Amino acid sequence: MDFLILNDLGFPILSVLIFLPLAGGLLMLCIPGDTAAKYWALAVTLATAAISLPLYSHFDASTARYQFGEHLPWIKALDINYTLGIDGISLLLVLMTTLLMPLCVLGSWKYIDKRVKEFMFCLLVMETSMLGVFMALDFVLFYVLWEAMLIPMYLLIAIWGGPRKVYASIKFFLYTLAGSVLLLVAIIGLYVSKGTFSIPALMGQDYSTTFQMLVFLAFFLAFAIKVPMFPFHTWLPAAHVEAPTAGSVILASVLLKMGTYGFLRFCLPITPEATRYFLPYVLWLSIAGILYGGFTALAQKDMKKLIAYSSVGHMGFVTLGIFLLNQRGIEGAILQMINHGITTGALFFCVGMIYERTHSRELAVAAGVGKYMPFYVTYLAFFSLSSLAFPGTNSFVGEFLILAGSFAQNKILSACAIPGAVLAAAYMLRMLQRVIWGGTDNPDQSALTDLNLREIVTLAPLLMFVFWIGLSPEPFMDVMHASVTNLIKQTGLASNGAVTLSSLMLP
C-alpha cells in the first residue's frame, strides 16, 4: 500500500463524489414534476462540482503516489478491494467531468421535453460511473464502473436520439461491448498470472514477452475502440449525430478519454515491452487518424458530423503524444485530452443551440446567422479557433507539446502530423465563415433569437478555460508532471524507448 496516500480531509471525498450523483438520482425519482427534477439534477451536479474543488487545492503535486486514498476489503476470497485514489493523470479528468455535468443539465433544459426525469437520472448515473473509472485502483471495481457507463449512454441515444437512434445505439453498444469483453480477458489473464486485481501492484511486474503481447493486444483493441482510433471509429459519427446534445457532449468530452486513459494507466506501465514492439503500428495509426479525421471533416455538410470527425483527428494527436513515450508528448497528450473535452463539448453545445432554433444541423440552414445572433457566433468563433489550435487558446498548448515531443523523437512523424493541423484550420474556418456570413442564398434568419441567459451561462465557463489554459497552462501542467515522470521511469521506456527512424519501420 506504499502507492496510496490515505485521505485525511475528514470525510471520504472520493466516495462522496462517486455516490452523490447516484444517490441524488434515486431521490430525484421520488420528486414529482419535470421542472423540479431539472432543478434537483442541477443542484446535485453543482454540489458534486463544488465538492471536487478541494481535490485540486489539497493535491500534492510533488509526489506521484495516489492521493485521497480509500481502501476497504470487498471480496476477500478473491482479493478484490474497494480501493480509490487519484494521481496527476486522473485529477484533471475528474475535475473536467464534475465541471461538465452541470453544463449538460443546463444544455438539456429545453432540448429534452419528454421523459425528463428519466433523462436526468441517466445523466447522474453516468456521472457516478465516469468518476469511478478515473478513481478506481482495483481492476474489478474499474471494470464494474466501466460497464456501468454503457447502459445509460445506450439509453440516452436510444430514447432521446434522432431519427436513426436505434441503429446508432445498437452500433455503439456492440462496438463497446466487444471492447469490454477483450478488456475482461486481459484483466483475468493478469489476475491468473499474479493473483491480484490491484492496479498499482500489477504495474512494473515481470511478465513474459508473449504474455505481454497478448495482454497488450486485448487492452489496445478495447481502448482503441473507445478512443476511437482509426479504423475502429465507425460507431462514433452515428452515435454523435443521433445522440441528444448532452449525450454528444459526454461522449466527446469524457467517454472518449476512457480509452486514452486506459493506454496511460495500463498499456504503458503493465506491458512496456509489448508497447515498444507495437509502437510503429500505433504511431502510424495515429497519423492515419489525424489525416483521415481532417479530410473527412472537411467534406461534411452536417455540423455535428463535422465535429464528430474532427474528434477522430484530435484524438489521433492524443494517441500520438502518448506513444511518443517522452515527457513532452505524454504531458501534451493529457492536456489535449482536457482541451478536447472543453472545446469539442462546447462546439456540440453550440450545434445543439442552433438546432433548437432551426431544427436542422445542416451548414446551409445555419448560414448567415451572424447578423441576428452575435453572442452565438462570438462563442462559436472562439471555440472554433480553439479547435484549430490558434495561439493563445488551450489546444495550441497541447498540440505544441505533442509536436515538440514528436520533433524531439522523429521529424518524419512531425512532418506527417502537421497537415492535420492545416486541415483543422480549413474545416473549422469553412464552418465559421458559412455560419457567420453565409452566402448569397442565405435562408431568412431574421426570426432567430440570440442566446438567452441560460445558454450564455452554459458556455461561459468553457470559454474561460479555453483562455486560462491557453495563456497560463502552468497550474494544469504542474499537477501531472510528477506522475508522468514516474510513469516513464516505471515503464523503463525512457532509457531505451526512443522513437528512432528504424524503430518506426514496421516489423
Protein backbone atom coordinates (compact mmCIF):
# COMPACT_ATOMS: atom_id res chain seq x y z
CA MET A 1 0.00 0.00 0.00
CA ASP A 2 3.01 2.30 -0.37
CA PHE A 3 1.46 3.60 -3.56
CA LEU A 4 -1.51 5.10 -1.69
CA ILE A 5 -1.74 8.22 0.49
CA LEU A 6 -4.87 7.77 2.58
CA ASN A 7 -7.41 10.54 2.64
CA ASP A 8 -7.10 12.95 5.59
CA LEU A 9 -9.77 15.52 4.72
CA GLY A 10 -12.09 14.25 7.44
CA PHE A 11 -14.59 12.67 5.07
CA PRO A 12 -14.24 10.14 2.21
CA ILE A 13 -14.21 12.70 -0.59
CA LEU A 14 -13.75 10.26 -3.47
CA SER A 15 -16.62 8.01 -2.35
CA VAL A 16 -18.83 11.06 -1.84
CA LEU A 17 -18.03 12.25 -5.36
CA ILE A 18 -18.83 8.85 -6.85
CA PHE A 19 -22.05 8.11 -4.99
CA LEU A 20 -23.55 11.59 -4.54
CA PRO A 21 -24.86 11.73 -8.14
CA LEU A 22 -26.31 8.21 -7.86
CA ALA A 23 -27.97 8.97 -4.51
CA GLY A 24 -29.26 12.26 -5.92
CA GLY A 25 -30.66 10.44 -8.94
CA LEU A 26 -32.51 7.89 -6.81
CA LEU A 27 -34.00 10.64 -4.63
CA MET A 28 -34.99 12.58 -7.76
CA LEU A 29 -37.21 9.69 -8.85
CA CYS A 30 -39.40 10.48 -5.81
CA ILE A 31 -39.78 14.15 -6.74
CA PRO A 32 -42.96 14.97 -8.71
CA GLY A 33 -42.75 17.14 -11.81
CA ASP A 34 -40.24 17.56 -14.63
CA THR A 35 -39.22 21.11 -13.68
CA ALA A 36 -38.41 20.09 -10.12
CA ALA A 37 -36.39 17.16 -11.46
CA LYS A 38 -34.30 19.50 -13.61
CA TYR A 39 -33.57 21.86 -10.71
CA TRP A 40 -32.73 18.87 -8.48
CA ALA A 41 -30.32 17.40 -11.07
CA LEU A 42 -28.68 20.81 -11.46
CA ALA A 43 -28.29 21.13 -7.68
CA VAL A 44 -26.77 17.64 -7.38
CA THR A 45 -24.28 18.18 -10.19
CA LEU A 46 -23.32 21.63 -8.86
CA ALA A 47 -22.80 20.16 -5.39
CA THR A 48 -20.61 17.40 -6.86
CA ALA A 49 -18.57 20.01 -8.73
CA ALA A 50 -18.16 22.10 -5.57
CA ILE A 51 -17.05 19.08 -3.51
CA SER A 52 -14.46 18.17 -6.15
CA LEU A 53 -12.64 21.51 -5.88
CA PRO A 54 -10.63 20.57 -2.74
CA LEU A 55 -9.05 17.80 -4.80
CA TYR A 56 -7.11 20.46 -6.65
CA SER A 57 -6.34 22.73 -3.68
CA HIS A 58 -5.18 19.82 -1.46
CA PHE A 59 -3.37 17.86 -4.18
CA ASP A 60 0.35 17.38 -3.54
CA ALA A 61 1.96 17.84 -6.97
CA SER A 62 5.39 16.81 -5.71
CA THR A 63 4.55 13.11 -5.44
CA ALA A 64 3.40 10.50 -7.95
CA ARG A 65 1.58 8.45 -5.30
CA TYR A 66 -2.20 8.10 -5.46
CA GLN A 67 -3.83 10.60 -3.12
CA PHE A 68 -7.10 10.94 -1.15
CA GLY A 69 -6.92 7.14 -0.93
CA GLU A 70 -9.64 4.88 0.42
CA HIS A 71 -9.22 1.15 0.92
CA LEU A 72 -11.78 -1.37 2.12
CA PRO A 73 -11.88 -5.16 1.63
CA TRP A 74 -14.66 -6.18 -0.75
CA ILE A 75 -14.40 -9.90 -1.67
CA LYS A 76 -11.57 -11.25 0.45
CA ALA A 77 -11.54 -14.72 -1.10
CA LEU A 78 -10.53 -13.24 -4.46
CA ASP A 79 -8.50 -10.32 -3.07
CA ILE A 80 -10.94 -7.84 -4.55
CA ASN A 81 -10.91 -4.48 -2.77
CA TYR A 82 -12.71 -1.18 -2.85
CA THR A 83 -9.61 0.94 -3.49
CA LEU A 84 -9.80 4.51 -4.70
CA GLY A 85 -7.16 7.15 -5.34
CA ILE A 86 -6.14 9.79 -7.89
CA ASP A 87 -2.79 10.97 -9.22
CA GLY A 88 -1.75 13.77 -11.52
CA ILE A 89 -3.04 11.88 -14.57
CA SER A 90 -6.57 11.33 -13.27
CA LEU A 91 -7.03 14.56 -11.26
CA LEU A 92 -7.73 16.82 -14.24
CA LEU A 93 -10.06 14.24 -15.81
CA VAL A 94 -12.08 14.05 -12.59
CA LEU A 95 -12.35 17.84 -12.38
CA MET A 96 -13.33 18.14 -16.04
CA THR A 97 -16.11 15.60 -15.53
CA THR A 98 -17.58 17.36 -12.50
CA LEU A 99 -17.40 20.71 -14.34
CA LEU A 100 -19.19 19.44 -17.45
CA MET A 101 -22.13 17.70 -15.80
CA PRO A 102 -23.98 20.84 -14.54
CA LEU A 103 -23.47 22.30 -18.02
CA CYS A 104 -25.02 19.18 -19.55
CA VAL A 105 -28.08 19.65 -17.34
CA LEU A 106 -28.33 23.31 -18.39
CA GLY A 107 -27.80 22.40 -22.05
CA SER A 108 -30.71 19.94 -21.88
CA TRP A 109 -33.08 22.36 -20.15
CA LYS A 110 -35.29 22.99 -23.19
CA TYR A 111 -33.86 20.39 -25.58
CA ILE A 112 -35.33 17.46 -23.63
CA ASP A 113 -39.11 17.71 -23.36
CA LYS A 114 -40.15 14.08 -22.86
CA ARG A 115 -39.33 11.69 -20.01
CA VAL A 116 -37.28 14.46 -18.44
CA LYS A 117 -36.86 12.76 -15.07
CA GLU A 118 -35.53 9.57 -16.64
CA PHE A 119 -33.13 11.61 -18.78
CA MET A 120 -31.72 13.43 -15.76
CA PHE A 121 -31.42 10.13 -13.90
CA CYS A 122 -29.32 8.72 -16.75
CA LEU A 123 -27.04 11.78 -16.61
CA LEU A 124 -26.50 11.32 -12.87
CA VAL A 125 -25.79 7.59 -13.22
CA MET A 126 -23.32 8.44 -15.98
CA GLU A 127 -21.52 10.86 -13.67
CA THR A 128 -21.19 8.21 -10.97
CA SER A 129 -19.68 5.64 -13.32
CA MET A 130 -17.38 8.09 -15.13
CA LEU A 131 -15.91 9.48 -11.91
CA GLY A 132 -15.49 5.95 -10.57
CA VAL A 133 -13.50 4.83 -13.61
CA PHE A 134 -10.96 7.62 -13.09
CA MET A 135 -10.63 6.86 -9.36
CA ALA A 136 -10.70 3.03 -9.21
CA LEU A 137 -7.42 1.30 -8.32
CA ASP A 138 -8.82 -2.23 -8.33
CA PHE A 139 -9.44 -3.91 -11.68
CA VAL A 140 -12.79 -5.45 -10.70
CA LEU A 141 -14.08 -2.12 -9.39
CA PHE A 142 -12.77 -0.43 -12.54
CA TYR A 143 -14.47 -2.96 -14.79
CA VAL A 144 -17.82 -2.75 -12.98
CA LEU A 145 -17.86 1.03 -13.34
CA TRP A 146 -16.59 0.82 -16.94
CA GLU A 147 -19.51 -1.44 -17.83
CA ALA A 148 -21.97 0.68 -15.87
CA MET A 149 -21.39 3.53 -18.31
CA LEU A 150 -22.70 1.56 -21.25
CA ILE A 151 -26.33 1.30 -20.16
CA PRO A 152 -27.18 4.97 -19.50
CA MET A 153 -25.26 6.06 -22.62
CA TYR A 154 -27.13 3.47 -24.68
CA LEU A 155 -30.43 4.75 -23.26
CA LEU A 156 -29.53 8.40 -23.92
CA ILE A 157 -29.07 7.58 -27.62
CA ALA A 158 -31.85 5.00 -27.97
CA ILE A 159 -34.62 7.00 -26.23
CA TRP A 160 -33.75 10.67 -26.74
CA GLY A 161 -31.79 10.36 -30.00
CA GLY A 162 -32.55 11.35 -33.59
CA PRO A 163 -34.38 9.51 -36.39
CA ARG A 164 -31.76 6.71 -36.64
CA LYS A 165 -31.37 6.34 -32.90
CA VAL A 166 -31.97 2.57 -32.83
CA TYR A 167 -29.25 1.91 -35.42
CA ALA A 168 -26.79 4.27 -33.69
CA SER A 169 -27.44 2.95 -30.18
CA ILE A 170 -27.09 -0.72 -31.18
CA LYS A 171 -23.91 0.01 -33.12
CA PHE A 172 -22.48 1.91 -30.13
CA PHE A 173 -23.43 -0.91 -27.76
CA LEU A 174 -21.99 -3.71 -29.90
CA TYR A 175 -18.67 -1.97 -30.53
CA THR A 176 -18.12 -1.01 -26.91
CA LEU A 177 -19.31 -4.40 -25.68
CA ALA A 178 -16.73 -6.11 -27.89
CA GLY A 179 -14.08 -3.88 -26.36
CA SER A 180 -15.34 -4.69 -22.88
CA VAL A 181 -15.03 -8.43 -23.48
CA LEU A 182 -11.40 -8.00 -24.55
CA LEU A 183 -10.75 -5.83 -21.50
CA LEU A 184 -12.18 -8.55 -19.25
CA VAL A 185 -9.97 -11.19 -20.90
CA ALA A 186 -6.87 -9.07 -20.20
CA ILE A 187 -7.91 -8.50 -16.57
CA ILE A 188 -8.49 -12.22 -15.98
CA GLY A 189 -5.14 -13.02 -17.58
CA LEU A 190 -3.34 -10.61 -15.25
CA TYR A 191 -5.15 -11.99 -12.20
CA VAL A 192 -4.26 -15.58 -13.11
CA SER A 193 -0.64 -14.52 -13.63
CA LYS A 194 -0.10 -12.52 -10.42
CA GLY A 195 -3.06 -13.36 -8.17
CA THR A 196 -4.21 -9.80 -7.57
CA PHE A 197 -6.61 -7.24 -9.01
CA SER A 198 -4.69 -4.29 -7.58
CA ILE A 199 -3.85 -1.99 -10.50
CA PRO A 200 -0.73 -0.38 -8.91
CA ALA A 201 0.53 -3.81 -7.79
CA LEU A 202 0.31 -5.11 -11.37
CA MET A 203 2.41 -2.24 -12.75
CA GLY A 204 6.13 -2.81 -13.24
CA GLN A 205 5.86 -6.57 -12.72
CA ASP A 206 7.94 -9.10 -14.63
CA TYR A 207 5.85 -10.74 -17.36
CA SER A 208 6.97 -12.92 -20.24
CA THR A 209 7.16 -11.27 -23.65
CA THR A 210 4.45 -13.50 -25.12
CA PHE A 211 2.12 -12.78 -22.21
CA GLN A 212 2.71 -9.04 -22.60
CA MET A 213 1.92 -9.25 -26.31
CA LEU A 214 -1.41 -10.95 -25.69
CA VAL A 215 -2.41 -8.62 -22.84
CA PHE A 216 -1.36 -5.56 -24.81
CA LEU A 217 -3.45 -6.59 -27.83
CA ALA A 218 -6.53 -7.15 -25.67
CA PHE A 219 -6.03 -3.82 -23.88
CA PHE A 220 -5.24 -1.99 -27.11
CA LEU A 221 -8.31 -3.17 -29.00
CA ALA A 222 -10.57 -2.40 -26.03
CA PHE A 223 -9.22 1.12 -25.65
CA ALA A 224 -8.77 1.82 -29.38
CA ILE A 225 -12.50 1.23 -29.87
CA LYS A 226 -13.27 3.58 -27.01
CA VAL A 227 -10.98 6.43 -28.21
CA PRO A 228 -11.88 5.68 -31.11
CA MET A 229 -8.71 5.24 -33.17
CA PHE A 230 -8.77 4.82 -36.93
CA PRO A 231 -10.03 2.31 -38.20
CA PHE A 232 -12.12 1.45 -35.11
CA HIS A 233 -14.05 4.73 -35.27
CA THR A 234 -17.10 3.86 -37.39
CA TRP A 235 -19.51 3.80 -34.45
CA LEU A 236 -18.64 7.37 -33.45
CA PRO A 237 -20.27 9.57 -36.16
CA ALA A 238 -23.59 7.73 -35.93
CA ALA A 239 -23.61 7.92 -32.12
CA HIS A 240 -22.75 11.62 -32.14
CA VAL A 241 -25.27 12.57 -34.81
CA GLU A 242 -28.17 10.71 -33.23
CA ALA A 243 -27.41 11.46 -29.56
CA PRO A 244 -29.06 14.42 -27.81
CA THR A 245 -26.77 17.39 -27.13
CA ALA A 246 -25.82 16.32 -23.60
CA GLY A 247 -25.10 12.80 -24.85
CA SER A 248 -22.77 14.12 -27.55
CA VAL A 249 -21.00 16.34 -25.02
CA ILE A 250 -20.46 13.46 -22.56
CA LEU A 251 -19.43 11.13 -25.36
CA ALA A 252 -16.84 13.51 -26.79
CA SER A 253 -15.61 15.11 -23.60
CA VAL A 254 -15.40 12.17 -21.19
CA LEU A 255 -16.15 8.76 -22.70
CA LEU A 256 -13.54 9.02 -25.46
CA LYS A 257 -10.94 9.86 -22.79
CA MET A 258 -11.56 6.50 -21.14
CA GLY A 259 -9.63 4.88 -24.00
CA THR A 260 -6.61 7.16 -23.83
CA TYR A 261 -6.70 6.94 -20.02
CA GLY A 262 -6.53 3.15 -20.39
CA PHE A 263 -3.45 3.43 -22.62
CA LEU A 264 -1.72 5.55 -19.99
CA ARG A 265 -2.85 3.60 -16.95
CA PHE A 266 -2.50 0.02 -18.23
CA CYS A 267 -0.67 -0.44 -21.56
CA LEU A 268 2.46 1.58 -20.80
CA PRO A 269 3.20 0.50 -17.20
CA ILE A 270 1.94 -3.10 -17.36
CA THR A 271 3.09 -4.17 -20.83
CA PRO A 272 6.14 -1.98 -21.64
CA GLU A 273 7.95 -4.48 -23.88
CA ALA A 274 4.83 -5.11 -25.95
CA THR A 275 4.25 -1.36 -26.13
CA ARG A 276 7.68 -0.93 -27.64
CA TYR A 277 7.11 -3.77 -30.10
CA PHE A 278 3.77 -2.43 -31.34
CA LEU A 279 4.91 1.20 -31.25
CA PRO A 280 5.23 1.67 -35.04
CA TYR A 281 1.73 0.36 -35.68
CA VAL A 282 0.16 2.63 -33.07
CA LEU A 283 2.06 5.72 -34.19
CA TRP A 284 1.16 5.26 -37.84
CA LEU A 285 -2.47 4.54 -36.93
CA SER A 286 -2.43 7.83 -35.01
CA ILE A 287 -1.12 9.67 -38.06
CA ALA A 288 -3.75 7.95 -40.22
CA GLY A 289 -6.46 9.05 -37.78
CA ILE A 290 -5.23 12.66 -37.84
CA LEU A 291 -5.32 12.83 -41.64
CA TYR A 292 -8.48 10.77 -42.12
CA GLY A 293 -10.38 12.79 -39.49
CA GLY A 294 -9.27 16.05 -41.08
CA PHE A 295 -10.12 15.17 -44.68
CA THR A 296 -13.48 13.63 -43.73
CA ALA A 297 -14.46 16.61 -41.58
CA LEU A 298 -13.65 18.90 -44.49
CA ALA A 299 -16.26 17.15 -46.64
CA GLN A 300 -19.14 17.34 -44.15
CA LYS A 301 -22.23 19.50 -44.55
CA ASP A 302 -23.74 18.44 -41.21
CA MET A 303 -22.19 20.46 -38.36
CA LYS A 304 -22.42 17.60 -35.88
CA LYS A 305 -20.77 15.16 -38.27
CA LEU A 306 -18.04 17.70 -38.94
CA ILE A 307 -17.24 17.98 -35.24
CA ALA A 308 -17.51 14.22 -34.77
CA TYR A 309 -14.95 13.52 -37.48
CA SER A 310 -12.73 16.30 -36.17
CA SER A 311 -12.66 14.34 -32.90
CA VAL A 312 -11.08 11.41 -34.73
CA GLY A 313 -8.28 13.72 -35.83
CA HIS A 314 -7.86 15.38 -32.43
CA MET A 315 -7.74 12.04 -30.63
CA GLY A 316 -5.12 10.94 -33.17
CA PHE A 317 -2.90 13.71 -31.80
CA VAL A 318 -3.57 12.43 -28.27
CA THR A 319 -2.57 8.83 -29.04
CA LEU A 320 0.45 10.12 -30.95
CA GLY A 321 1.57 12.03 -27.86
CA ILE A 322 1.02 9.06 -25.54
CA PHE A 323 3.02 6.61 -27.63
CA LEU A 324 5.90 9.01 -28.22
CA LEU A 325 6.90 7.84 -24.75
CA ASN A 326 8.60 11.09 -23.77
CA GLN A 327 7.70 13.72 -21.18
CA ARG A 328 6.51 16.42 -23.57
CA GLY A 329 4.47 14.03 -25.68
CA ILE A 330 2.64 12.43 -22.76
CA GLU A 331 2.05 15.70 -20.90
CA GLY A 332 0.82 17.27 -24.14
CA ALA A 333 -1.49 14.30 -24.69
CA ILE A 334 -3.00 14.55 -21.20
CA LEU A 335 -3.52 18.30 -21.59
CA GLN A 336 -5.02 17.74 -25.03
CA MET A 337 -7.46 15.23 -23.53
CA ILE A 338 -8.71 18.03 -21.28
CA ASN A 339 -8.65 20.59 -24.11
CA HIS A 340 -10.65 18.35 -26.42
CA GLY A 341 -13.20 17.78 -23.67
CA ILE A 342 -13.66 21.52 -23.18
CA THR A 343 -13.59 22.68 -26.79
CA THR A 344 -15.46 19.87 -28.50
CA GLY A 345 -18.02 19.77 -25.71
CA ALA A 346 -18.60 23.49 -26.24
CA LEU A 347 -18.93 23.04 -30.01
CA PHE A 348 -21.56 20.33 -29.51
CA PHE A 349 -23.44 22.72 -27.21
CA CYS A 350 -23.28 25.33 -30.00
CA VAL A 351 -24.68 22.86 -32.52
CA GLY A 352 -27.47 21.95 -30.12
CA MET A 353 -28.37 25.62 -29.66
CA ILE A 354 -28.68 26.26 -33.38
CA TYR A 355 -30.64 23.01 -33.79
CA GLU A 356 -33.17 24.15 -31.17
CA ARG A 357 -33.82 27.23 -33.34
CA THR A 358 -33.69 25.84 -36.88
CA HIS A 359 -34.40 22.11 -36.27
CA SER A 360 -31.50 21.34 -38.57
CA ARG A 361 -27.77 20.76 -38.24
CA GLU A 362 -27.03 21.48 -41.90
CA LEU A 363 -24.48 24.20 -42.55
CA ALA A 364 -26.66 25.58 -45.34
CA VAL A 365 -29.56 26.11 -42.93
CA ALA A 366 -27.36 27.83 -40.33
CA ALA A 367 -25.67 30.05 -42.92
CA GLY A 368 -25.56 33.76 -42.19
CA VAL A 369 -26.88 33.80 -38.62
CA GLY A 370 -24.14 36.20 -37.52
CA LYS A 371 -26.27 39.27 -38.15
CA TYR A 372 -29.02 38.08 -35.83
CA MET A 373 -27.05 36.02 -33.26
CA PRO A 374 -23.94 38.00 -32.28
CA PHE A 375 -23.44 36.25 -28.91
CA TYR A 376 -23.76 32.87 -30.57
CA VAL A 377 -21.26 33.48 -33.34
CA THR A 378 -18.83 35.06 -30.87
CA TYR A 379 -18.79 31.89 -28.79
CA LEU A 380 -18.64 29.74 -31.91
CA ALA A 381 -15.70 31.74 -33.23
CA PHE A 382 -13.62 31.37 -30.07
CA PHE A 383 -14.34 27.65 -29.73
CA SER A 384 -13.57 27.10 -33.41
CA LEU A 385 -10.24 28.92 -33.02
CA SER A 386 -9.51 26.73 -30.03
CA SER A 387 -10.35 23.60 -32.04
CA LEU A 388 -7.87 24.57 -34.77
CA ALA A 389 -5.23 25.26 -32.07
CA PHE A 390 -4.94 29.03 -32.57
CA PRO A 391 -2.16 30.56 -30.42
CA GLY A 392 -3.48 31.82 -27.09
CA THR A 393 -6.09 29.10 -26.83
CA ASN A 394 -5.90 25.85 -24.87
CA SER A 395 -5.49 23.46 -27.80
CA PHE A 396 -2.44 25.34 -29.05
CA VAL A 397 -0.54 24.43 -25.89
CA GLY A 398 -1.47 20.75 -26.09
CA GLU A 399 -0.71 20.33 -29.79
CA PHE A 400 2.51 22.32 -29.46
CA LEU A 401 3.75 19.98 -26.72
CA ILE A 402 2.83 16.89 -28.73
CA LEU A 403 4.56 18.21 -31.87
CA ALA A 404 7.57 19.30 -29.80
CA GLY A 405 7.78 15.81 -28.35
CA SER A 406 7.43 14.41 -31.83
CA PHE A 407 10.19 16.63 -33.26
CA ALA A 408 12.48 15.56 -30.42
CA GLN A 409 11.99 11.90 -31.30
CA ASN A 410 11.43 11.76 -35.02
CA LYS A 411 10.92 14.54 -37.56
CA ILE A 412 9.16 12.24 -40.02
CA LEU A 413 6.30 11.79 -37.57
CA SER A 414 6.02 15.54 -37.10
CA ALA A 415 6.02 16.13 -40.83
CA CYS A 416 3.19 13.63 -41.23
CA ALA A 417 1.13 15.09 -38.36
CA ILE A 418 1.38 18.77 -39.30
CA PRO A 419 -1.06 18.55 -42.26
CA GLY A 420 -3.66 17.55 -39.68
CA ALA A 421 -3.33 20.99 -38.08
CA VAL A 422 -3.73 22.62 -41.51
CA LEU A 423 -6.84 20.55 -42.22
CA ALA A 424 -8.31 21.56 -38.83
CA ALA A 425 -7.91 25.21 -39.79
CA ALA A 426 -9.55 24.55 -43.16
CA TYR A 427 -12.70 22.80 -41.94
CA MET A 428 -13.24 24.97 -38.85
CA LEU A 429 -12.79 28.26 -40.74
CA ARG A 430 -15.06 26.99 -43.53
CA MET A 431 -17.78 26.25 -40.96
CA LEU A 432 -17.22 29.57 -39.22
CA GLN A 433 -17.34 31.61 -42.42
CA ARG A 434 -20.55 29.88 -43.51
CA VAL A 435 -22.35 30.29 -40.18
CA ILE A 436 -21.36 33.92 -39.64
CA TRP A 437 -21.64 35.36 -43.14
CA GLY A 438 -23.13 32.63 -45.30
CA GLY A 439 -23.55 33.41 -48.97
CA THR A 440 -25.94 34.87 -51.45
CA ASP A 441 -28.51 32.13 -50.92
CA ASN A 442 -28.88 32.51 -47.15
CA PRO A 443 -32.23 31.44 -45.71
CA ASP A 444 -34.20 34.15 -43.93
CA GLN A 445 -32.73 34.10 -40.41
CA SER A 446 -34.48 37.23 -39.10
CA ALA A 447 -36.78 35.17 -36.87
CA LEU A 448 -33.88 33.62 -34.98
CA THR A 449 -33.19 34.87 -31.48
CA ASP A 450 -29.75 35.13 -29.95
CA LEU A 451 -28.57 33.14 -26.94
CA ASN A 452 -30.55 33.59 -23.76
CA LEU A 453 -29.00 33.97 -20.31
CA ARG A 454 -29.07 30.22 -19.59
CA GLU A 455 -27.20 29.46 -22.80
CA ILE A 456 -24.65 32.22 -22.20
CA VAL A 457 -24.02 30.88 -18.69
CA THR A 458 -23.66 27.33 -20.07
CA LEU A 459 -20.86 28.30 -22.46
CA ALA A 460 -19.08 30.93 -20.33
CA PRO A 461 -17.09 28.55 -18.05
CA LEU A 462 -15.84 26.61 -21.06
CA LEU A 463 -14.65 29.81 -22.74
CA MET A 464 -12.88 30.82 -19.53
CA PHE A 465 -10.90 27.55 -19.55
CA VAL A 466 -10.06 27.99 -23.25
CA PHE A 467 -8.11 31.16 -22.39
CA TRP A 468 -6.94 30.13 -18.92
CA ILE A 469 -5.19 27.02 -20.24
CA GLY A 470 -4.12 28.84 -23.40
CA LEU A 471 -2.50 31.78 -21.64
CA SER A 472 -1.37 30.21 -18.36
CA PRO A 473 -1.10 26.41 -18.59
CA GLU A 474 1.34 26.01 -15.67
CA PRO A 475 -1.29 25.21 -13.00
CA PHE A 476 -2.55 22.38 -15.18
CA MET A 477 0.88 21.12 -16.20
CA ASP A 478 2.36 21.16 -12.70
CA VAL A 479 -0.12 18.66 -11.25
CA MET A 480 0.71 15.99 -13.83
CA HIS A 481 4.50 16.37 -14.02
CA ALA A 482 5.49 14.03 -11.17
CA SER A 483 3.03 11.34 -12.26
CA VAL A 484 4.19 11.42 -15.88
CA THR A 485 7.84 11.32 -14.81
CA ASN A 486 7.10 8.31 -12.63
CA LEU A 487 5.15 6.64 -15.46
CA ILE A 488 8.10 6.93 -17.84
CA LYS A 489 10.54 5.78 -15.15
CA GLN A 490 8.28 2.93 -14.08
CA THR A 491 7.98 1.54 -17.57
CA GLY A 492 11.70 1.77 -18.25
CA LEU A 493 10.92 3.27 -21.63
CA ALA A 494 12.85 6.47 -21.15
CA SER A 495 16.28 4.90 -21.42
CA ASN A 496 15.77 2.69 -24.44
CA GLY A 497 12.42 3.59 -25.92
CA ALA A 498 13.46 6.44 -28.21
CA VAL A 499 11.48 6.60 -31.42
CA THR A 500 14.25 6.38 -33.96
CA LEU A 501 13.76 6.19 -37.69
CA SER A 502 14.48 2.48 -37.68
CA SER A 503 12.01 1.87 -34.84
CA LEU A 504 9.25 3.34 -36.98
CA MET A 505 9.71 0.70 -39.63
CA LEU A 506 7.03 -1.95 -39.41
CA PRO A 507 8.45 -5.36 -38.48
